[in-house]
C-alpha cells in the first residue's frame, strides 16, 4: 500500500476566476442594452466552462467606476 503525501491534497479545489470586461458607451441606451442582452450570455458561457478550467462557476457583477 502506498503512503499518501500529507503535503499534497489529492482533491483539487476550484479557485475563483476573475474576469474584467472593459467597455465604453456613448449613451445610456447602449449600456442598458449591453447589461440586458450581452452580459447574461457572457456569464452563462463563463459559468458553463468554469468547471472544466478548474474554476468556480459563480458569477459576480463587478462594475468599474466611470470617470
N, C-alpha and C. Protein backbone atom coordinates (compact mmCIF):
# COMPACT_ATOMS: atom_id res chain seq x y z
N UNK A 1 0.84 -1.18 0.00
CA UNK A 1 0.00 0.00 0.00
C UNK A 1 0.89 1.25 0.00
N UNK A 2 0.57 2.21 -0.84
CA UNK A 2 1.38 3.41 -0.95
C UNK A 2 0.95 4.45 0.09
N UNK A 3 1.93 5.15 0.61
CA UNK A 3 1.63 6.23 1.55
C UNK A 3 1.27 7.49 0.78
N UNK A 4 0.24 8.14 1.21
CA UNK A 4 -0.14 9.41 0.58
C UNK A 4 0.66 10.53 1.21
N UNK A 5 1.16 11.41 0.39
CA UNK A 5 1.91 12.56 0.89
C UNK A 5 0.93 13.54 1.53
N UNK A 6 1.12 13.83 2.80
CA UNK A 6 0.19 14.70 3.52
C UNK A 6 0.26 16.15 3.05
N UNK A 7 1.37 16.54 2.40
CA UNK A 7 1.51 17.92 1.93
C UNK A 7 0.78 18.16 0.61
N UNK A 8 0.43 17.09 -0.09
CA UNK A 8 -0.24 17.22 -1.38
C UNK A 8 -1.70 16.83 -1.20
N UNK A 9 -2.58 17.72 -1.57
CA UNK A 9 -4.01 17.45 -1.48
C UNK A 9 -4.43 16.67 -2.72
N UNK A 10 -5.01 15.50 -2.52
CA UNK A 10 -5.38 14.67 -3.66
C UNK A 10 -6.60 15.22 -4.40
N UNK A 11 -7.42 16.00 -3.73
CA UNK A 11 -8.59 16.59 -4.37
C UNK A 11 -8.28 18.04 -4.75
N UNK A 12 -8.48 18.34 -6.03
CA UNK A 12 -8.25 19.71 -6.48
C UNK A 12 -9.45 20.56 -6.07
N UNK A 13 -9.17 21.68 -5.45
CA UNK A 13 -10.23 22.59 -5.06
C UNK A 13 -10.35 23.68 -6.12
N UNK A 14 -11.57 23.99 -6.56
CA UNK A 14 -11.72 25.04 -7.57
C UNK A 14 -11.32 26.40 -7.01
N UNK A 15 -10.76 27.20 -7.87
CA UNK A 15 -10.36 28.55 -7.49
C UNK A 15 -11.29 29.55 -8.18
N UNK A 16 -11.34 30.75 -7.65
CA UNK A 16 -12.17 31.79 -8.26
C UNK A 16 -11.57 32.28 -9.56
N UNK A 17 -12.41 32.58 -10.52
CA UNK A 17 -11.96 33.08 -11.81
C UNK A 17 -12.43 34.53 -11.93
N UNK A 18 -11.48 35.45 -11.90
CA UNK A 18 -11.87 36.85 -12.02
C UNK A 18 -11.81 37.25 -13.48
N UNK A 19 -12.85 37.92 -13.93
CA UNK A 19 -12.95 38.38 -15.31
C UNK A 19 -13.30 39.85 -15.29
N UNK A 20 -12.55 40.62 -16.06
CA UNK A 20 -12.83 42.05 -16.15
C UNK A 20 -13.22 42.36 -17.59
N UNK A 21 -14.34 43.02 -17.75
CA UNK A 21 -14.81 43.42 -19.07
C UNK A 21 -14.83 44.94 -19.10
N UNK A 22 -13.97 45.51 -19.92
CA UNK A 22 -13.89 46.97 -20.03
C UNK A 22 -14.74 47.42 -21.21
N UNK A 23 -15.59 48.38 -20.97
CA UNK A 23 -16.48 48.86 -22.03
C UNK A 23 -16.53 50.38 -22.01
N UNK A 24 -16.98 50.93 -23.12
CA UNK A 24 -17.23 52.37 -23.22
C UNK A 24 -18.53 52.54 -23.99
N UNK A 25 -19.42 53.32 -23.44
CA UNK A 25 -20.71 53.55 -24.08
C UNK A 25 -20.90 55.03 -24.34
N UNK A 26 -21.45 55.34 -25.53
CA UNK A 26 -21.71 56.73 -25.89
C UNK A 26 -23.01 57.24 -25.27
N UNK A 27 -23.91 56.33 -24.95
CA UNK A 27 -25.18 56.76 -24.35
C UNK A 27 -25.68 55.68 -23.38
N UNK A 28 -26.63 56.06 -22.57
CA UNK A 28 -27.18 55.15 -21.56
C UNK A 28 -27.89 53.96 -22.20
N UNK A 29 -28.50 54.16 -23.37
CA UNK A 29 -29.20 53.06 -24.05
C UNK A 29 -28.23 51.93 -24.41
N UNK A 30 -27.02 52.29 -24.84
CA UNK A 30 -26.03 51.27 -25.17
C UNK A 30 -25.63 50.47 -23.93
N UNK A 31 -25.44 51.16 -22.81
CA UNK A 31 -25.07 50.49 -21.57
C UNK A 31 -26.19 49.56 -21.11
N UNK A 32 -27.43 50.02 -21.16
CA UNK A 32 -28.56 49.20 -20.75
C UNK A 32 -28.72 47.98 -21.65
N UNK A 33 -28.54 48.17 -22.96
CA UNK A 33 -28.62 47.06 -23.90
C UNK A 33 -27.54 46.02 -23.59
N UNK A 34 -26.32 46.48 -23.33
CA UNK A 34 -25.22 45.58 -23.01
C UNK A 34 -25.52 44.78 -21.76
N UNK A 35 -26.00 45.45 -20.72
CA UNK A 35 -26.28 44.77 -19.45
C UNK A 35 -27.46 43.80 -19.57
N UNK A 36 -28.44 44.14 -20.40
CA UNK A 36 -29.64 43.30 -20.51
C UNK A 36 -29.46 42.13 -21.48
N UNK A 37 -28.71 42.34 -22.55
CA UNK A 37 -28.64 41.32 -23.60
C UNK A 37 -27.31 40.58 -23.61
N UNK A 38 -26.21 41.31 -23.53
CA UNK A 38 -24.90 40.69 -23.71
C UNK A 38 -24.38 40.04 -22.43
N UNK A 39 -24.48 40.73 -21.30
CA UNK A 39 -23.92 40.20 -20.04
C UNK A 39 -24.49 38.84 -19.62
N UNK A 40 -25.80 38.62 -19.74
CA UNK A 40 -26.30 37.28 -19.37
C UNK A 40 -25.68 36.17 -20.21
N UNK A 41 -25.46 36.42 -21.50
CA UNK A 41 -24.83 35.42 -22.36
C UNK A 41 -23.38 35.17 -21.97
N UNK A 42 -22.66 36.25 -21.66
CA UNK A 42 -21.26 36.11 -21.25
C UNK A 42 -21.17 35.32 -19.95
N UNK A 43 -22.00 35.66 -18.98
CA UNK A 43 -21.94 34.95 -17.70
C UNK A 43 -22.35 33.49 -17.85
N UNK A 44 -23.29 33.20 -18.74
CA UNK A 44 -23.71 31.81 -18.97
C UNK A 44 -22.55 30.99 -19.54
N UNK A 45 -21.82 31.55 -20.49
CA UNK A 45 -20.68 30.84 -21.08
C UNK A 45 -19.58 30.65 -20.06
N UNK A 46 -19.28 31.70 -19.28
CA UNK A 46 -18.23 31.57 -18.26
C UNK A 46 -18.59 30.52 -17.22
N UNK A 47 -19.84 30.51 -16.78
CA UNK A 47 -20.28 29.53 -15.78
C UNK A 47 -20.27 28.11 -16.35
N UNK A 48 -20.55 27.98 -17.65
CA UNK A 48 -20.59 26.66 -18.28
C UNK A 48 -19.19 26.04 -18.35
N UNK A 49 -18.19 26.85 -18.69
CA UNK A 49 -16.85 26.32 -18.90
C UNK A 49 -15.93 26.45 -17.69
N UNK A 50 -16.35 27.14 -16.65
CA UNK A 50 -15.51 27.32 -15.46
C UNK A 50 -15.11 26.00 -14.81
N UNK A 51 -16.03 25.04 -14.62
CA UNK A 51 -15.62 23.77 -14.00
C UNK A 51 -14.56 23.02 -14.82
N UNK A 52 -14.62 23.12 -16.14
CA UNK A 52 -13.63 22.46 -16.98
C UNK A 52 -12.25 23.09 -16.81
N UNK A 53 -12.23 24.36 -16.44
CA UNK A 53 -10.97 25.07 -16.23
C UNK A 53 -10.51 24.97 -14.78
N UNK A 54 -11.30 24.31 -13.94
CA UNK A 54 -10.95 24.18 -12.52
C UNK A 54 -11.26 25.43 -11.73
N UNK A 55 -12.23 26.20 -12.18
CA UNK A 55 -12.60 27.44 -11.52
C UNK A 55 -14.03 27.34 -10.99
N UNK A 56 -14.35 28.22 -10.06
CA UNK A 56 -15.71 28.29 -9.57
C UNK A 56 -16.60 28.87 -10.66
N UNK A 57 -17.84 28.47 -10.68
CA UNK A 57 -18.75 28.97 -11.70
C UNK A 57 -19.60 30.13 -11.25
N UNK A 58 -19.39 30.62 -10.06
CA UNK A 58 -20.22 31.71 -9.56
C UNK A 58 -19.88 32.99 -10.29
N UNK A 59 -20.91 33.72 -10.66
CA UNK A 59 -20.75 34.99 -11.39
C UNK A 59 -20.97 36.13 -10.42
N UNK A 60 -20.03 37.05 -10.38
CA UNK A 60 -20.17 38.24 -9.56
C UNK A 60 -20.25 39.44 -10.48
N UNK A 61 -21.19 40.32 -10.23
CA UNK A 61 -21.36 41.51 -11.05
C UNK A 61 -20.49 42.62 -10.48
N UNK A 62 -19.33 42.82 -11.08
CA UNK A 62 -18.42 43.86 -10.65
C UNK A 62 -18.35 44.93 -11.73
N UNK A 63 -18.70 46.14 -11.40
CA UNK A 63 -18.67 47.22 -12.36
C UNK A 63 -17.56 48.19 -12.00
N UNK A 64 -16.83 48.63 -13.00
CA UNK A 64 -15.80 49.62 -12.75
C UNK A 64 -16.44 51.00 -12.73
N UNK A 65 -15.80 51.91 -12.01
CA UNK A 65 -16.33 53.27 -11.92
C UNK A 65 -16.05 54.01 -13.21
N UNK A 66 -17.06 54.72 -13.70
CA UNK A 66 -16.88 55.53 -14.90
C UNK A 66 -16.45 56.92 -14.50
N UNK A 67 -15.50 57.45 -15.24
CA UNK A 67 -14.98 58.78 -14.93
C UNK A 67 -15.68 59.83 -15.75
